[in-house]
C-alpha atoms as a PDB file:
ATOM      1  CA  PHE A   1      15.782  -4.968  20.849  1.00  0.00           C
ATOM      2  CA  TYR A   2      14.487  -1.729  19.290  1.00  0.00           C
ATOM      3  CA  ALA A   3      12.906  -0.675  22.584  1.00  0.00           C
ATOM      4  CA  GLN A   4      15.945  -1.149  24.811  1.00  0.00           C
ATOM      5  CA  ASP A   5      19.240  -1.926  23.084  1.00  0.00           C
ATOM      6  CA  PHE A   6      19.122  -0.161  19.729  1.00  0.00           C
ATOM      7  CA  GLN A   7      20.456   3.403  19.902  1.00  0.00           C
ATOM      8  CA  TRP A   8      17.632   5.152  18.047  1.00  0.00           C
ATOM      9  CA  GLY A   9      19.093   8.117  16.162  1.00  0.00           C
ATOM     10  CA  SER A  10      22.704   6.954  16.533  1.00  0.00           C
ATOM     11  CA  GLU A  11      22.764   3.469  14.988  1.00  0.00           C
ATOM     12  CA  VAL A  12      21.897   2.352  11.469  1.00  0.00           C
ATOM     13  CA  ILE A  13      19.798  -0.672  10.545  1.00  0.00           C
ATOM     14  CA  SER A  14      21.815  -2.177   7.696  1.00  0.00           C
ATOM     15  CA  VAL A  15      21.042  -5.475   6.001  1.00  0.00           C
ATOM     16  CA  ARG A  16      24.126  -4.919   3.838  1.00  0.00           C
ATOM     17  CA  ILE A  17      26.529  -4.766   6.804  1.00  0.00           C
ATOM     18  CA  GLY A  18      24.664  -7.325   8.925  1.00  0.00           C
ATOM     19  CA  GLN A  19      25.811  -5.984  12.268  1.00  0.00           C
ATOM     20  CA  ARG A  20      25.194  -3.072  14.608  1.00  0.00           C
ATOM     21  CA  CYS A  21      26.998   0.095  13.570  1.00  0.00           C
ATOM     22  CA  LEU A  22      26.881   3.734  14.513  1.00  0.00           C
ATOM     23  CA  ALA A  23      25.786   6.262  11.912  1.00  0.00           C
ATOM     24  CA  SER A  24      29.271   7.800  12.140  1.00  0.00           C
ATOM     25  CA  ASN A  25      30.813   4.565  10.785  1.00  0.00           C
ATOM     26  CA  GLU A  26      32.695   5.090   7.520  1.00  0.00           C
ATOM     27  CA  ALA A  27      30.459   2.485   5.859  1.00  0.00           C
ATOM     28  CA  PHE A  28      27.652   5.078   5.879  1.00  0.00           C
ATOM     29  CA  THR A  29      29.397   8.132   4.446  1.00  0.00           C
ATOM     30  CA  GLU A  30      26.840   8.269   1.613  1.00  0.00           C
ATOM     31  CA  LEU A  31      23.763   7.858   3.848  1.00  0.00           C
ATOM     32  CA  ARG A  32      21.713  11.066   3.822  1.00  0.00           C
ATOM     33  CA  GLY A  33      20.595  12.451   7.163  1.00  0.00           C
ATOM     34  CA  ARG A  34      22.752  10.092   9.188  1.00  0.00           C
ATOM     35  CA  PHE A  35      23.557  12.725  11.805  1.00  0.00           C
ATOM     36  CA  THR A  36      19.942  13.678  12.510  1.00  0.00           C
ATOM     37  CA  ARG A  37      18.320  12.212  15.644  1.00  0.00           C
ATOM     38  CA  ARG A  38      16.013   9.917  13.690  1.00  0.00           C
ATOM     39  CA  LEU A  39      15.652   6.243  12.888  1.00  0.00           C
ATOM     40  CA  HIS A  40      18.258   5.248  10.270  1.00  0.00           C
ATOM     41  CA  ILE A  41      17.548   2.393   7.871  1.00  0.00           C
ATOM     42  CA  GLU A  42      20.024   2.008   5.023  1.00  0.00           C
ATOM     43  CA  ASP A  43      18.666   1.011   1.624  1.00  0.00           C
ATOM     44  CA  PRO A  44      20.976  -1.917   0.733  1.00  0.00           C
ATOM     45  CA  PHE A  45      21.019  -0.973  -2.961  1.00  0.00           C
ATOM     46  CA  LEU A  46      20.911   2.838  -2.933  1.00  0.00           C
ATOM     47  CA  LEU A  47      23.466   3.545  -0.225  1.00  0.00           C
ATOM     48  CA  ASP A  48      22.653   7.234  -0.007  1.00  0.00           C
ATOM     49  CA  ARG A  49      18.945   6.531   0.683  1.00  0.00           C
ATOM     50  CA  ASN A  50      17.901   6.575   4.311  1.00  0.00           C
ATOM     51  CA  LEU A  51      14.567   4.775   4.461  1.00  0.00           C
ATOM     52  CA  HIS A  52      13.396   6.966   7.313  1.00  0.00           C
ATOM     53  CA  CYS A  53      12.376   9.251   4.442  1.00  0.00           C
ATOM     54  CA  VAL A  54       9.062   7.353   4.161  1.00  0.00           C
ATOM     55  CA  LEU A  55       8.044   8.477   7.678  1.00  0.00           C
ATOM     56  CA  TRP A  56       7.232  11.980   8.858  1.00  0.00           C
ATOM     57  CA  GLN A  57       8.841  12.759  12.184  1.00  0.00           C
ATOM     58  CA  ASP A  58       5.494  12.460  14.000  1.00  0.00           C
ATOM     59  CA  GLN A  59       4.921   9.032  12.420  1.00  0.00           C
ATOM     60  CA  GLU A  60       8.388   7.937  13.481  1.00  0.00           C
ATOM     61  CA  TYR A  61       7.698   9.159  17.011  1.00  0.00           C
ATOM     62  CA  THR A  62       4.439   7.167  17.058  1.00  0.00           C
ATOM     63  CA  LEU A  63       6.323   4.066  15.878  1.00  0.00           C
ATOM     64  CA  TYR A  64       8.891   4.560  18.650  1.00  0.00           C
ATOM     65  CA  GLN A  65       6.139   5.004  21.266  1.00  0.00           C
ATOM     66  CA  LYS A  66       4.306   1.865  20.085  1.00  0.00           C
ATOM     67  CA  ILE A  67       7.510  -0.187  20.233  1.00  0.00           C
ATOM     68  CA  GLN A  68       8.101   1.073  23.793  1.00  0.00           C
ATOM     69  CA  GLU A  69       4.483   0.344  24.737  1.00  0.00           C
ATOM     70  CA  ALA A  70       4.630  -3.193  23.313  1.00  0.00           C
ATOM     71  CA  CYS A  71       7.892  -3.871  25.149  1.00  0.00           C
ATOM     72  CA  GLY A  72       6.356  -2.747  28.424  1.00  0.00           C
ATOM     73  CA  MET A  73       3.324  -4.970  27.901  1.00  0.00           C
ATOM     74  CA  LEU A  74       5.504  -7.979  27.113  1.00  0.00           C
ATOM     75  CA  GLN A  75       7.597  -7.351  30.224  1.00  0.00           C
ATOM     76  CA  ARG A  76       4.391  -7.324  32.295  1.00  0.00           C
ATOM     77  CA  GLY A  77       3.344 -10.646  30.762  1.00  0.00           C
ATOM     78  CA  SER A  78       0.626  -9.456  28.393  1.00  0.00           C
ATOM     79  CA  LEU A  79       0.450  -9.334  24.612  1.00  0.00           C
ATOM     80  CA  PRO A  80       0.037  -6.177  22.546  1.00  0.00           C
ATOM     81  CA  GLU A  81      -3.176  -6.228  20.506  1.00  0.00           C
ATOM     82  CA  GLY A  82      -1.421  -6.986  17.215  1.00  0.00           C
ATOM     83  CA  LEU A  83      -0.018 -10.214  18.687  1.00  0.00           C
ATOM     84  CA  TRP A  84      -3.276 -11.654  19.994  1.00  0.00           C
ATOM     85  CA  PRO A  85      -4.290 -15.043  18.568  1.00  0.00           C
ATOM     86  CA  PHE A  86      -6.748 -14.667  15.693  1.00  0.00           C
ATOM     87  CA  GLU A  87      -9.709 -15.958  17.732  1.00  0.00           C
ATOM     88  CA  GLU A  88      -9.222 -13.329  20.452  1.00  0.00           C
ATOM     89  CA  ALA A  89      -8.635 -10.481  18.022  1.00  0.00           C
ATOM     90  CA  GLY A  90     -12.086 -10.915  16.453  1.00  0.00           C
ATOM     91  CA  GLN A  91     -13.942 -10.915  19.787  1.00  0.00           C
END
């Protein structure tokens, strides 16, 4: 979903709303940084807090790349390293 359907930088991940919404939606008027081209994760209790604040932009870019990489591997029928069964991971 986050690799293909989610509009990174335009949509907000919101547990409070429970559905896909654009950052421009009136439900997010308090959300800081909602018009920057970054990942938006609304804190469900502090509505002005955008949880992307815990990532530097280079860390966010790495996260995005790893999600894309994992999606590609899954589409080719292989598992990303973090999803290997425990026995294989230790070998």
